[in-house]
Amino acid sequence: MSIKKFFTGVIGVFMLLQFYALGEIIKSKSGDGLIIYKVEMDADEVVQVLKASLEAQQITLVDTTNPTAPLSNNIKIFPDFDKLNVSYIQNFLITSITTLYKIFTVDPNGMVLSPWVVTIYQYEDDDYTYIVRTKSSTLLKNTKHPEVIKAVQEFEKRVDAAIEDLL
C-alpha cells in the first residue's frame, strides 16, 4: 500500500469519526428513500444555518412551507393531527440551476424531481432537530440516462454537505 493511499484512508476515517461525534444520520423506519439527520440544535437555529449552508453549495431555496398547515386549519376534522407533539416543522423547497440544466437537456421527465424537499422538524421538549431529505436518486434506479442519475447524485451530495455543516 502506498503512503498516499494510507494517509487518504486515515484522513477519511478521522473525518467520519468526527462527523459521527458531532451529529448523526439515523436509520429510517420510514423507508430506504429517506435520509434523516439528527442535530443537537433548536429548529430556529437549524433553519438559519441551513439556509446559509445551502446557498454556499449553490443550492437555491425556492420556497418554504408548513406541511401541516392544511391539518391545523381543519382541526375540527383532524383533532388529533398533532398527537406526535411536533412543535416545529417546515419544508424547504430547493433546487439547483446546474442540476436542472443537466437533467432537462437529457430527459425532461426527470424534472418531476424539482424542487426537492428538505423537511426540518423538532418534537416538543427535545434538544434535537431532525432534517429529512429524499433520496431521489433511488427513483432513477432503472433510468436509461446515466447522466441524469449522476447529476441527481451530485446534487444530493451537495445537499448532504450543506446539512453536515450543522453537525
N, C-alpha and C. Protein backbone atom coordinates (compact mmCIF):
# COMPACT_ATOMS: atom_id res chain seq x y z
N MET A 1 0.85 -1.17 0.00
CA MET A 1 0.00 0.00 0.00
C MET A 1 0.89 1.24 0.00
N SER A 2 0.55 2.18 -0.84
CA SER A 2 1.35 3.39 -0.91
C SER A 2 1.05 4.29 0.29
N ILE A 3 1.99 5.16 0.59
CA ILE A 3 1.82 6.10 1.70
C ILE A 3 0.63 7.02 1.43
N LYS A 4 0.46 7.43 0.18
CA LYS A 4 -0.66 8.32 -0.18
C LYS A 4 -2.00 7.64 0.12
N LYS A 5 -2.15 6.37 -0.28
CA LYS A 5 -3.40 5.65 -0.02
C LYS A 5 -3.62 5.48 1.48
N PHE A 6 -2.55 5.20 2.22
CA PHE A 6 -2.65 5.01 3.65
C PHE A 6 -3.17 6.28 4.32
N PHE A 7 -2.53 7.43 4.02
CA PHE A 7 -2.94 8.68 4.64
C PHE A 7 -4.33 9.12 4.19
N THR A 8 -4.68 8.84 2.95
CA THR A 8 -6.03 9.15 2.48
C THR A 8 -7.05 8.36 3.27
N GLY A 9 -6.75 7.10 3.53
CA GLY A 9 -7.64 6.25 4.33
C GLY A 9 -7.74 6.72 5.77
N VAL A 10 -6.61 7.08 6.36
CA VAL A 10 -6.60 7.56 7.74
C VAL A 10 -7.39 8.86 7.86
N ILE A 11 -7.19 9.77 6.93
CA ILE A 11 -7.92 11.04 6.95
C ILE A 11 -9.42 10.78 6.79
N GLY A 12 -9.78 9.87 5.89
CA GLY A 12 -11.19 9.55 5.68
C GLY A 12 -11.83 8.99 6.94
N VAL A 13 -11.15 8.08 7.63
CA VAL A 13 -11.67 7.51 8.88
C VAL A 13 -11.79 8.60 9.93
N PHE A 14 -10.79 9.45 10.05
CA PHE A 14 -10.84 10.55 11.02
C PHE A 14 -12.04 11.46 10.76
N MET A 15 -12.25 11.83 9.51
CA MET A 15 -13.36 12.70 9.17
C MET A 15 -14.70 12.03 9.48
N LEU A 16 -14.80 10.74 9.22
CA LEU A 16 -16.02 10.00 9.51
C LEU A 16 -16.28 9.97 11.01
N LEU A 17 -15.24 9.69 11.80
CA LEU A 17 -15.40 9.67 13.25
C LEU A 17 -15.78 11.04 13.78
N GLN A 18 -15.18 12.08 13.24
CA GLN A 18 -15.50 13.44 13.65
C GLN A 18 -16.96 13.75 13.33
N PHE A 19 -17.42 13.34 12.17
CA PHE A 19 -18.81 13.57 11.75
C PHE A 19 -19.76 12.90 12.74
N TYR A 20 -19.50 11.64 13.09
CA TYR A 20 -20.41 10.93 13.97
C TYR A 20 -20.34 11.45 15.40
N ALA A 21 -19.25 12.08 15.79
CA ALA A 21 -19.16 12.64 17.13
C ALA A 21 -20.02 13.89 17.27
N LEU A 22 -20.23 14.63 16.21
CA LEU A 22 -20.96 15.90 16.28
C LEU A 22 -22.44 15.77 15.97
N GLY A 23 -22.83 14.83 15.22
CA GLY A 23 -24.21 14.63 14.84
C GLY A 23 -24.34 13.23 14.29
N GLU A 24 -25.52 12.92 13.81
CA GLU A 24 -25.65 11.57 13.30
C GLU A 24 -26.72 11.47 12.23
N ILE A 25 -26.53 10.47 11.39
CA ILE A 25 -27.57 10.07 10.45
C ILE A 25 -28.26 8.90 11.13
N ILE A 26 -29.56 8.97 11.22
CA ILE A 26 -30.27 7.88 11.89
C ILE A 26 -30.94 6.98 10.87
N LYS A 27 -31.05 5.73 11.22
CA LYS A 27 -31.67 4.73 10.35
C LYS A 27 -33.16 5.04 10.26
N SER A 28 -33.65 5.10 9.05
CA SER A 28 -35.04 5.45 8.83
C SER A 28 -35.95 4.24 8.99
N LYS A 29 -36.99 4.42 9.78
CA LYS A 29 -38.05 3.41 9.87
C LYS A 29 -39.11 3.72 8.82
N SER A 30 -38.88 4.79 8.09
CA SER A 30 -39.85 5.27 7.10
C SER A 30 -39.56 4.77 5.69
N GLY A 31 -38.46 4.07 5.50
CA GLY A 31 -38.14 3.54 4.18
C GLY A 31 -36.76 3.94 3.71
N ASP A 32 -36.31 3.28 2.67
CA ASP A 32 -34.97 3.49 2.14
C ASP A 32 -34.82 4.80 1.38
N GLY A 33 -35.91 5.45 1.03
CA GLY A 33 -35.84 6.66 0.23
C GLY A 33 -35.64 7.93 1.02
N LEU A 34 -35.42 7.82 2.33
CA LEU A 34 -35.23 8.99 3.17
C LEU A 34 -33.89 8.94 3.89
N ILE A 35 -33.24 10.09 3.96
CA ILE A 35 -32.02 10.25 4.75
C ILE A 35 -32.41 11.18 5.90
N ILE A 36 -32.17 10.74 7.14
CA ILE A 36 -32.58 11.51 8.31
C ILE A 36 -31.35 11.87 9.14
N TYR A 37 -31.22 13.16 9.40
CA TYR A 37 -30.13 13.66 10.23
C TYR A 37 -30.70 14.12 11.56
N LYS A 38 -29.96 13.89 12.62
CA LYS A 38 -30.34 14.33 13.96
C LYS A 38 -29.29 15.34 14.42
N VAL A 39 -29.73 16.56 14.69
CA VAL A 39 -28.82 17.65 15.01
C VAL A 39 -29.15 18.20 16.40
N GLU A 40 -28.14 18.36 17.23
CA GLU A 40 -28.37 18.92 18.56
C GLU A 40 -28.37 20.45 18.47
N MET A 41 -29.55 20.98 18.14
CA MET A 41 -29.70 22.41 17.92
C MET A 41 -31.21 22.69 17.83
N ASP A 42 -31.63 23.87 18.25
CA ASP A 42 -33.03 24.25 18.09
C ASP A 42 -33.37 24.44 16.62
N ALA A 43 -34.61 24.16 16.28
CA ALA A 43 -35.05 24.22 14.88
C ALA A 43 -34.85 25.61 14.28
N ASP A 44 -35.10 26.65 15.04
CA ASP A 44 -34.91 28.01 14.51
C ASP A 44 -33.47 28.25 14.07
N GLU A 45 -32.54 27.76 14.88
CA GLU A 45 -31.12 27.88 14.53
C GLU A 45 -30.79 27.05 13.29
N VAL A 46 -31.33 25.84 13.25
CA VAL A 46 -31.08 24.95 12.11
C VAL A 46 -31.52 25.63 10.82
N VAL A 47 -32.70 26.24 10.84
CA VAL A 47 -33.22 26.91 9.64
C VAL A 47 -32.26 27.98 9.15
N GLN A 48 -31.78 28.81 10.05
CA GLN A 48 -30.88 29.90 9.66
C GLN A 48 -29.56 29.38 9.11
N VAL A 49 -28.97 28.42 9.81
CA VAL A 49 -27.67 27.89 9.38
C VAL A 49 -27.82 27.09 8.09
N LEU A 50 -28.89 26.33 7.98
CA LEU A 50 -29.09 25.52 6.78
C LEU A 50 -29.30 26.39 5.55
N LYS A 51 -30.02 27.48 5.69
CA LYS A 51 -30.20 28.40 4.56
C LYS A 51 -28.84 28.87 4.03
N ALA A 52 -27.97 29.28 4.93
CA ALA A 52 -26.65 29.76 4.53
C ALA A 52 -25.81 28.63 3.93
N SER A 53 -25.90 27.44 4.52
CA SER A 53 -25.12 26.31 4.01
C SER A 53 -25.58 25.88 2.62
N LEU A 54 -26.88 25.89 2.39
CA LEU A 54 -27.40 25.55 1.06
C LEU A 54 -26.92 26.57 0.04
N GLU A 55 -26.97 27.83 0.40
CA GLU A 55 -26.52 28.89 -0.50
C GLU A 55 -25.04 28.72 -0.84
N ALA A 56 -24.25 28.35 0.16
CA ALA A 56 -22.82 28.14 -0.07
C ALA A 56 -22.57 26.97 -1.03
N GLN A 57 -23.51 26.03 -1.09
CA GLN A 57 -23.41 24.89 -2.00
C GLN A 57 -24.07 25.19 -3.35
N GLN A 58 -24.43 26.46 -3.57
CA GLN A 58 -25.09 26.91 -4.80
C GLN A 58 -26.42 26.19 -5.02
N ILE A 59 -27.14 26.04 -3.93
CA ILE A 59 -28.48 25.46 -3.95
C ILE A 59 -29.45 26.57 -3.63
N THR A 60 -30.48 26.71 -4.45
CA THR A 60 -31.45 27.78 -4.32
C THR A 60 -32.63 27.33 -3.46
N LEU A 61 -32.95 28.14 -2.47
CA LEU A 61 -34.15 27.92 -1.67
C LEU A 61 -35.30 28.58 -2.42
N VAL A 62 -36.17 27.77 -3.01
CA VAL A 62 -37.26 28.28 -3.83
C VAL A 62 -38.39 28.80 -2.96
N ASP A 63 -38.70 28.06 -1.89
CA ASP A 63 -39.83 28.44 -1.03
C ASP A 63 -39.73 27.64 0.26
N THR A 64 -40.47 28.08 1.26
CA THR A 64 -40.64 27.32 2.49
C THR A 64 -42.13 27.13 2.71
N THR A 65 -42.49 25.99 3.26
CA THR A 65 -43.89 25.71 3.52
C THR A 65 -44.04 25.02 4.87
N ASN A 66 -45.23 25.12 5.41
CA ASN A 66 -45.59 24.37 6.59
C ASN A 66 -46.45 23.21 6.11
N PRO A 67 -45.91 22.00 6.07
CA PRO A 67 -46.66 20.88 5.51
C PRO A 67 -47.89 20.48 6.32
N THR A 68 -47.96 20.92 7.57
CA THR A 68 -49.12 20.57 8.40
C THR A 68 -50.20 21.63 8.40
N ALA A 69 -50.00 22.72 7.69
CA ALA A 69 -51.00 23.80 7.67
C ALA A 69 -52.40 23.32 7.29
N PRO A 70 -52.55 22.48 6.27
CA PRO A 70 -53.91 22.01 5.94
C PRO A 70 -54.57 21.24 7.09
N LEU A 71 -53.76 20.56 7.88
CA LEU A 71 -54.32 19.81 9.02
C LEU A 71 -54.70 20.75 10.15
N SER A 72 -53.79 21.66 10.50
CA SER A 72 -54.08 22.58 11.61
C SER A 72 -55.21 23.54 11.27
N ASN A 73 -55.39 23.84 10.00
CA ASN A 73 -56.50 24.71 9.58
C ASN A 73 -57.83 23.97 9.58
N ASN A 74 -57.80 22.67 9.75
CA ASN A 74 -59.01 21.84 9.78
C ASN A 74 -59.03 20.97 11.03
N ILE A 75 -58.75 21.61 12.16
CA ILE A 75 -58.62 20.88 13.42
C ILE A 75 -59.92 20.19 13.83
N LYS A 76 -61.07 20.68 13.37
CA LYS A 76 -62.33 20.03 13.69
C LYS A 76 -62.44 18.68 12.99
N ILE A 77 -61.87 18.58 11.81
CA ILE A 77 -61.90 17.32 11.06
C ILE A 77 -60.79 16.38 11.52
N PHE A 78 -59.62 16.96 11.84
CA PHE A 78 -58.45 16.18 12.24
C PHE A 78 -57.99 16.60 13.65
N PRO A 79 -58.79 16.32 14.68
CA PRO A 79 -58.47 16.83 16.02
C PRO A 79 -57.17 16.28 16.62
N ASP A 80 -56.72 15.13 16.17
CA ASP A 80 -55.51 14.54 16.74
C ASP A 80 -54.31 14.64 15.81
N PHE A 81 -54.34 15.61 14.88
CA PHE A 81 -53.25 15.69 13.91
C PHE A 81 -51.89 15.92 14.56
N ASP A 82 -51.89 16.51 15.75
CA ASP A 82 -50.61 16.82 16.40
C ASP A 82 -50.25 15.84 17.53
N LYS A 83 -50.75 14.62 17.44
CA LYS A 83 -50.50 13.65 18.50
C LYS A 83 -49.02 13.26 18.64
N LEU A 84 -48.21 13.54 17.64
CA LEU A 84 -46.78 13.25 17.73
C LEU A 84 -46.01 14.33 18.48
N ASN A 85 -46.69 15.42 18.84
CA ASN A 85 -46.08 16.52 19.58
C ASN A 85 -44.90 17.14 18.86
N VAL A 86 -45.07 17.36 17.57
CA VAL A 86 -44.07 18.07 16.79
C VAL A 86 -44.33 19.56 17.01
N SER A 87 -43.34 20.25 17.55
CA SER A 87 -43.52 21.67 17.88
C SER A 87 -43.13 22.58 16.73
N TYR A 88 -42.34 22.07 15.79
CA TYR A 88 -41.88 22.87 14.67
C TYR A 88 -41.72 21.96 13.46
N ILE A 89 -42.21 22.42 12.32
CA ILE A 89 -41.98 21.68 11.08
C ILE A 89 -42.02 22.66 9.92
N GLN A 90 -41.10 22.48 9.03
CA GLN A 90 -41.03 23.34 7.85
C GLN A 90 -40.38 22.56 6.71
N ASN A 91 -40.92 22.75 5.53
CA ASN A 91 -40.31 22.19 4.33
C ASN A 91 -39.53 23.27 3.60
N PHE A 92 -38.33 22.93 3.20
CA PHE A 92 -37.56 23.76 2.28
C PHE A 92 -37.74 23.16 0.90
N LEU A 93 -38.15 23.94 -0.06
CA LEU A 93 -38.20 23.51 -1.44
C LEU A 93 -36.96 24.06 -2.10
N ILE A 94 -36.09 23.18 -2.57
CA ILE A 94 -34.77 23.59 -3.05
C ILE A 94 -34.53 23.10 -4.47
N THR A 95 -33.61 23.76 -5.14
CA THR A 95 -33.23 23.34 -6.48
C THR A 95 -31.82 23.84 -6.78
N SER A 96 -31.33 23.44 -7.94
CA SER A 96 -30.02 23.86 -8.41
C SER A 96 -30.12 24.10 -9.91
N ILE A 97 -29.72 25.25 -10.35
CA ILE A 97 -29.80 25.57 -11.78
C ILE A 97 -28.93 24.62 -12.60
N THR A 98 -27.74 24.34 -12.12
CA THR A 98 -26.86 23.45 -12.89
C THR A 98 -27.42 22.03 -12.95
N THR A 99 -28.01 21.57 -11.86
CA THR A 99 -28.61 20.24 -11.87
C THR A 99 -29.81 20.20 -12.81
N LEU A 100 -30.63 21.23 -12.76
CA LEU A 100 -31.77 21.30 -13.66
C LEU A 100 -31.33 21.26 -15.13
N TYR A 101 -30.28 21.99 -15.44
CA TYR A 101 -29.76 22.00 -16.80
C TYR A 101 -29.32 20.60 -17.22
N LYS A 102 -28.59 19.94 -16.35
CA LYS A 102 -28.08 18.60 -16.66
C LYS A 102 -29.21 17.59 -16.84
N ILE A 103 -30.30 17.77 -16.13
CA ILE A 103 -31.45 16.87 -16.27
C ILE A 103 -32.25 17.21 -17.52
N PHE A 104 -32.63 18.47 -17.64
CA PHE A 104 -33.56 18.88 -18.70
C PHE A 104 -32.99 18.68 -20.10
N THR A 105 -31.69 18.82 -20.24
CA THR A 105 -31.09 18.67 -21.57
C THR A 105 -30.94 17.20 -21.98
N VAL A 106 -31.24 16.29 -21.05
CA VAL A 106 -31.13 14.86 -21.35
C VAL A 106 -32.50 14.18 -21.28
N ASP A 107 -33.27 14.46 -20.22
CA ASP A 107 -34.54 13.77 -20.01
C ASP A 107 -35.50 14.69 -19.26
N PRO A 108 -36.41 15.35 -19.98
CA PRO A 108 -37.33 16.27 -19.31
C PRO A 108 -38.23 15.59 -18.27
N ASN A 109 -38.38 14.28 -18.34
CA ASN A 109 -39.19 13.59 -17.33
C ASN A 109 -38.56 13.69 -15.94
N GLY A 110 -37.25 13.83 -15.89
CA GLY A 110 -36.56 13.96 -14.62
C GLY A 110 -36.87 15.26 -13.89
N MET A 111 -37.47 16.20 -14.58
CA MET A 111 -37.79 17.48 -13.96
C MET A 111 -38.84 17.34 -12.85
N VAL A 112 -39.52 16.21 -12.81
CA VAL A 112 -40.51 15.98 -11.76
C VAL A 112 -39.86 15.99 -10.37
N LEU A 113 -38.57 15.77 -10.32
CA LEU A 113 -37.86 15.75 -9.04
C LEU A 113 -37.70 17.13 -8.42
N SER A 114 -37.75 18.16 -9.22
CA SER A 114 -37.51 19.52 -8.74
C SER A 114 -38.82 20.25 -8.52
N PRO A 115 -38.96 21.00 -7.46
CA PRO A 115 -37.97 21.22 -6.41
C PRO A 115 -37.91 20.03 -5.45
N TRP A 116 -36.72 19.82 -4.93
CA TRP A 116 -36.52 18.77 -3.95
C TRP A 116 -36.99 19.30 -2.60
N VAL A 117 -37.37 18.40 -1.71
CA VAL A 117 -37.89 18.79 -0.40
C VAL A 117 -36.93 18.36 0.69
N VAL A 118 -36.64 19.29 1.59
CA VAL A 118 -35.91 19.00 2.81
C VAL A 118 -36.83 19.43 3.95
N THR A 119 -37.13 18.52 4.86
CA THR A 119 -38.01 18.82 5.98
C THR A 119 -37.20 18.97 7.25
N ILE A 120 -37.55 19.98 8.03
CA ILE A 120 -36.91 20.25 9.31
C ILE A 120 -38.01 20.18 10.36
N TYR A 121 -37.81 19.36 11.39
CA TYR A 121 -38.82 19.30 12.44
C TYR A 121 -38.18 19.05 13.80
N GLN A 122 -38.94 19.42 14.83
CA GLN A 122 -38.48 19.22 16.20
C GLN A 122 -39.69 18.84 17.05
N TYR A 123 -39.48 17.87 17.95
CA TYR A 123 -40.52 17.49 18.89
C TYR A 123 -40.52 18.44 20.08
N GLU A 124 -41.66 18.56 20.76
CA GLU A 124 -41.73 19.35 21.98
C GLU A 124 -40.73 18.81 22.99
N ASP A 125 -40.10 19.70 23.73
CA ASP A 125 -39.16 19.34 24.79
C ASP A 125 -38.03 18.42 24.31
N ASP A 126 -37.58 18.61 23.09
CA ASP A 126 -36.48 17.81 22.53
C ASP A 126 -35.32 18.75 22.21
N ASP A 127 -34.13 18.36 22.56
CA ASP A 127 -32.95 19.17 22.26
C ASP A 127 -32.45 18.96 20.84
N TYR A 128 -33.07 18.04 20.12
CA TYR A 128 -32.63 17.70 18.77
C TYR A 128 -33.62 18.18 17.73
N THR A 129 -33.08 18.51 16.58
CA THR A 129 -33.88 18.82 15.40
C THR A 129 -33.54 17.77 14.36
N TYR A 130 -34.53 17.40 13.60
CA TYR A 130 -34.36 16.37 12.58
C TYR A 130 -34.47 17.02 11.21
N ILE A 131 -33.58 16.62 10.33
CA ILE A 131 -33.58 17.11 8.96
C ILE A 131 -33.73 15.88 8.08
N VAL A 132 -34.73 15.90 7.22
CA VAL A 132 -35.02 14.75 6.37
C VAL A 132 -34.97 15.20 4.92
N ARG A 133 -34.29 14.41 4.11
CA ARG A 133 -34.29 14.66 2.67
C ARG A 133 -34.63 13.38 1.94
N THR A 134 -35.21 13.53 0.80
CA THR A 134 -35.49 12.35 -0.01
C THR A 134 -34.22 11.91 -0.71
N LYS A 135 -34.12 10.64 -0.93
CA LYS A 135 -33.02 10.08 -1.71
C LYS A 135 -33.59 9.84 -3.11
N SER A 136 -33.76 10.91 -3.85
CA SER A 136 -34.45 10.85 -5.13
C SER A 136 -33.70 10.04 -6.17
N SER A 137 -32.41 9.86 -5.97
CA SER A 137 -31.66 9.04 -6.93
C SER A 137 -32.19 7.61 -6.97
N THR A 138 -32.83 7.15 -5.89
CA THR A 138 -33.40 5.81 -5.89
C THR A 138 -34.57 5.70 -6.87
N LEU A 139 -35.22 6.81 -7.15
CA LEU A 139 -36.32 6.80 -8.12
C LEU A 139 -35.82 6.59 -9.55
N LEU A 140 -34.55 6.84 -9.76
CA LEU A 140 -33.96 6.74 -11.10
C LEU A 140 -33.23 5.42 -11.32
N LYS A 141 -33.52 4.46 -10.50
CA LYS A 141 -32.80 3.18 -10.49
C LYS A 141 -32.64 2.57 -11.88
N ASN A 142 -33.67 2.54 -12.67
CA ASN A 142 -33.60 1.88 -13.98
C ASN A 142 -33.59 2.87 -15.15
N THR A 143 -33.10 4.07 -14.90
CA THR A 143 -33.08 5.07 -15.96
C THR A 143 -32.18 4.64 -17.11
N LYS A 144 -32.53 5.07 -18.28
CA LYS A 144 -31.71 4.82 -19.47
C LYS A 144 -30.77 6.00 -19.70
N HIS A 145 -30.77 6.95 -18.74
CA HIS A 145 -29.97 8.17 -18.86
C HIS A 145 -29.02 8.28 -17.66
N PRO A 146 -27.87 7.64 -17.73
CA PRO A 146 -26.94 7.69 -16.60
C PRO A 146 -26.50 9.11 -16.24
N GLU A 147 -26.56 10.03 -17.21
CA GLU A 147 -26.17 11.41 -16.93
C GLU A 147 -27.12 12.05 -15.92
N VAL A 148 -28.38 11.66 -15.98
CA VAL A 148 -29.38 12.22 -15.07
C VAL A 148 -29.14 11.72 -13.65
N ILE A 149 -28.94 10.44 -13.51
CA ILE A 149 -28.69 9.91 -12.17
C ILE A 149 -27.41 10.48 -11.59
N LYS A 150 -26.40 10.67 -12.43
CA LYS A 150 -25.14 11.26 -11.97
C LYS A 150 -25.38 12.70 -11.49
N ALA A 151 -26.16 13.46 -12.22
CA ALA A 151 -26.47 14.85 -11.83
C ALA A 151 -27.25 14.89 -10.51
N VAL A 152 -28.20 14.00 -10.36
CA VAL A 152 -29.00 13.96 -9.14
C VAL A 152 -28.14 13.53 -7.96
N GLN A 153 -27.30 12.54 -8.14
CA GLN A 153 -26.42 12.10 -7.06
C GLN A 153 -25.45 13.20 -6.65
N GLU A 154 -24.96 13.96 -7.61
CA GLU A 154 -24.07 15.08 -7.31
C GLU A 154 -24.83 16.14 -6.51
N PHE A 155 -26.07 16.40 -6.89
CA PHE A 155 -26.91 17.35 -6.16
C PHE A 155 -27.14 16.87 -4.73
N GLU A 156 -27.45 15.59 -4.58
CA GLU A 156 -27.67 15.03 -3.24
C GLU A 156 -26.43 15.17 -2.37
N LYS A 157 -25.26 14.99 -2.95
CA LYS A 157 -24.01 15.16 -2.19
C LYS A 157 -23.86 16.60 -1.70
N ARG A 158 -24.25 17.55 -2.54
CA ARG A 158 -24.18 18.96 -2.13
C ARG A 158 -25.19 19.27 -1.03
N VAL A 159 -26.37 18.69 -1.11
CA VAL A 159 -27.36 18.88 -0.04
C VAL A 159 -26.83 18.27 1.25
N ASP A 160 -26.28 17.06 1.17
CA ASP A 160 -25.71 16.42 2.35
C ASP A 160 -24.57 17.25 2.94
N ALA A 161 -23.74 17.81 2.09
CA ALA A 161 -22.63 18.65 2.58
C ALA A 161 -23.18 19.88 3.31
N ALA A 162 -24.25 20.46 2.79
CA ALA A 162 -24.86 21.62 3.46
C ALA A 162 -25.42 21.22 4.82
N ILE A 163 -26.04 20.07 4.91
CA ILE A 163 -26.60 19.60 6.18
C ILE A 163 -25.48 19.24 7.14
N GLU A 164 -24.45 18.59 6.64
CA GLU A 164 -23.35 18.17 7.51
C GLU A 164 -22.60 19.36 8.09
N ASP A 165 -22.74 20.54 7.51
CA ASP A 165 -22.15 21.75 8.10
C ASP A 165 -22.76 22.05 9.47
N LEU A 166 -23.95 21.53 9.73
CA LEU A 166 -24.62 21.74 11.02
C LEU A 166 -24.19 20.75 12.07
N LEU A 167 -23.59 19.67 11.64
CA LEU A 167 -23.28 18.58 12.58
C LEU A 167 -21.97 18.78 13.29
